[in-house]
Amino acid sequence: MSERALLLDLDDTLVIEEPAAVAAFAATALWAATQRDLDPGVLAPTARHRARELWYATPAHAWCQRIGVS
């Protein structure tokens, strides 16, 4: 039987969220630029900004704020 693990990280405990999120959006934008004619330097921050707007608009965000989770 193979080893299995579940890693949970809540709010910068193990992985600092900001640099990880920036890197994830940048890597995804670089990949997208191989598929379409677009500027990954524009796509990454624009997509991240929009994702944040969408997150703030959800009912889950208000609940997370109340319990102290970002």
C-alpha atoms as a PDB file:
ATOM      1  CA  MET A   1       0.000   0.000   0.000  1.00  0.00           C
ATOM      2  CA  SER A   2       1.341   3.446  -0.889  1.00  0.00           C
ATOM      3  CA  GLU A   3       1.808   6.251   1.609  1.00  0.00           C
ATOM      4  CA  ARG A   4      -0.923   8.857   1.671  1.00  0.00           C
ATOM      5  CA  ALA A   5      -1.027  12.236   3.330  1.00  0.00           C
ATOM      6  CA  LEU A   6      -3.319  15.194   3.648  1.00  0.00           C
ATOM      7  CA  LEU A   7      -1.754  18.614   4.145  1.00  0.00           C
ATOM      8  CA  LEU A   8      -3.891  21.433   5.515  1.00  0.00           C
ATOM      9  CA  ASP A   9      -2.571  24.967   5.658  1.00  0.00           C
ATOM     10  CA  LEU A  10      -4.687  27.684   7.206  1.00  0.00           C
ATOM     11  CA  ASP A  11      -3.735  31.298   6.613  1.00  0.00           C
ATOM     12  CA  ASP A  12       0.026  31.392   6.178  1.00  0.00           C
ATOM     13  CA  THR A  13       0.870  28.588   8.616  1.00  0.00           C
ATOM     14  CA  LEU A  14       3.016  26.539   6.232  1.00  0.00           C
ATOM     15  CA  VAL A  15       2.772  28.324   2.897  1.00  0.00           C
ATOM     16  CA  ILE A  16       2.816  32.114   2.785  1.00  0.00           C
ATOM     17  CA  GLU A  17      -0.269  32.782   0.676  1.00  0.00           C
ATOM     18  CA  GLU A  18       0.619  36.013  -1.135  1.00  0.00           C
ATOM     19  CA  PRO A  19       3.812  34.845  -2.917  1.00  0.00           C
ATOM     20  CA  ALA A  20       2.261  31.445  -3.616  1.00  0.00           C
ATOM     21  CA  ALA A  21      -0.827  33.031  -5.197  1.00  0.00           C
ATOM     22  CA  VAL A  22       1.256  35.445  -7.285  1.00  0.00           C
ATOM     23  CA  ALA A  23       3.432  32.555  -8.499  1.00  0.00           C
ATOM     24  CA  ALA A  24       0.410  30.389  -9.325  1.00  0.00           C
ATOM     25  CA  PHE A  25      -1.271  33.120 -11.386  1.00  0.00           C
ATOM     26  CA  ALA A  26       2.033  33.904 -13.147  1.00  0.00           C
ATOM     27  CA  ALA A  27       2.660  30.251 -14.016  1.00  0.00           C
ATOM     28  CA  THR A  28      -0.890  29.826 -15.283  1.00  0.00           C
ATOM     29  CA  ALA A  29      -0.642  32.998 -17.379  1.00  0.00           C
ATOM     30  CA  LEU A  30       2.650  31.800 -18.888  1.00  0.00           C
ATOM     31  CA  TRP A  31       0.998  28.524 -19.861  1.00  0.00           C
ATOM     32  CA  ALA A  32      -2.040  30.368 -21.290  1.00  0.00           C
ATOM     33  CA  ALA A  33       0.321  32.449 -23.437  1.00  0.00           C
ATOM     34  CA  THR A  34       1.503  29.228 -25.098  1.00  0.00           C
ATOM     35  CA  GLN A  35      -2.101  28.525 -26.097  1.00  0.00           C
ATOM     36  CA  ARG A  36      -3.300  32.001 -27.077  1.00  0.00           C
ATOM     37  CA  ASP A  37      -1.841  35.293 -28.212  1.00  0.00           C
ATOM     38  CA  LEU A  38      -1.846  37.212 -24.952  1.00  0.00           C
ATOM     39  CA  ASP A  39       0.493  38.999 -22.571  1.00  0.00           C
ATOM     40  CA  PRO A  40       1.046  36.928 -19.421  1.00  0.00           C
ATOM     41  CA  GLY A  41       2.309  40.045 -17.629  1.00  0.00           C
ATOM     42  CA  VAL A  42      -1.126  41.583 -18.066  1.00  0.00           C
ATOM     43  CA  LEU A  43      -3.203  38.428 -17.656  1.00  0.00           C
ATOM     44  CA  ALA A  44      -1.756  37.295 -14.308  1.00  0.00           C
ATOM     45  CA  PRO A  45      -2.419  40.440 -12.259  1.00  0.00           C
ATOM     46  CA  THR A  46      -5.723  41.124 -14.018  1.00  0.00           C
ATOM     47  CA  ALA A  47      -7.025  37.609 -13.371  1.00  0.00           C
ATOM     48  CA  ARG A  48      -5.837  37.735  -9.763  1.00  0.00           C
ATOM     49  CA  HIS A  49      -7.534  41.088  -9.215  1.00  0.00           C
ATOM     50  CA  ARG A  50     -10.796  39.757 -10.674  1.00  0.00           C
ATOM     51  CA  ALA A  51     -10.579  36.549  -8.643  1.00  0.00           C
ATOM     52  CA  ARG A  52     -10.181  38.624  -5.488  1.00  0.00           C
ATOM     53  CA  GLU A  53     -13.220  40.753  -6.440  1.00  0.00           C
ATOM     54  CA  LEU A  54     -15.293  37.618  -6.966  1.00  0.00           C
ATOM     55  CA  TRP A  55     -14.128  36.157  -3.631  1.00  0.00           C
ATOM     56  CA  TYR A  56     -15.019  39.345  -1.747  1.00  0.00           C
ATOM     57  CA  ALA A  57     -18.503  39.246  -3.289  1.00  0.00           C
ATOM     58  CA  THR A  58     -19.342  35.766  -1.959  1.00  0.00           C
ATOM     59  CA  PRO A  59     -21.284  35.108   1.252  1.00  0.00           C
ATOM     60  CA  ALA A  60     -18.422  32.819   2.282  1.00  0.00           C
ATOM     61  CA  HIS A  61     -16.043  35.777   2.487  1.00  0.00           C
ATOM     62  CA  ALA A  62     -18.146  37.575   5.089  1.00  0.00           C
ATOM     63  CA  TRP A  63     -18.395  34.380   7.131  1.00  0.00           C
ATOM     64  CA  CYS A  64     -14.620  33.815   6.899  1.00  0.00           C
ATOM     65  CA  GLN A  65     -14.007  37.370   8.054  1.00  0.00           C
ATOM     66  CA  ARG A  66     -16.225  36.800  11.084  1.00  0.00           C
ATOM     67  CA  ILE A  67     -14.283  33.706  12.159  1.00  0.00           C
ATOM     68  CA  GLY A  68     -10.884  35.188  11.371  1.00  0.00           C
ATOM     69  CA  VAL A  69      -9.966  33.241   8.233  1.00  0.00           C
ATOM     70  CA  SER A  70      -8.852  35.130   5.145  1.00  0.00           C
END
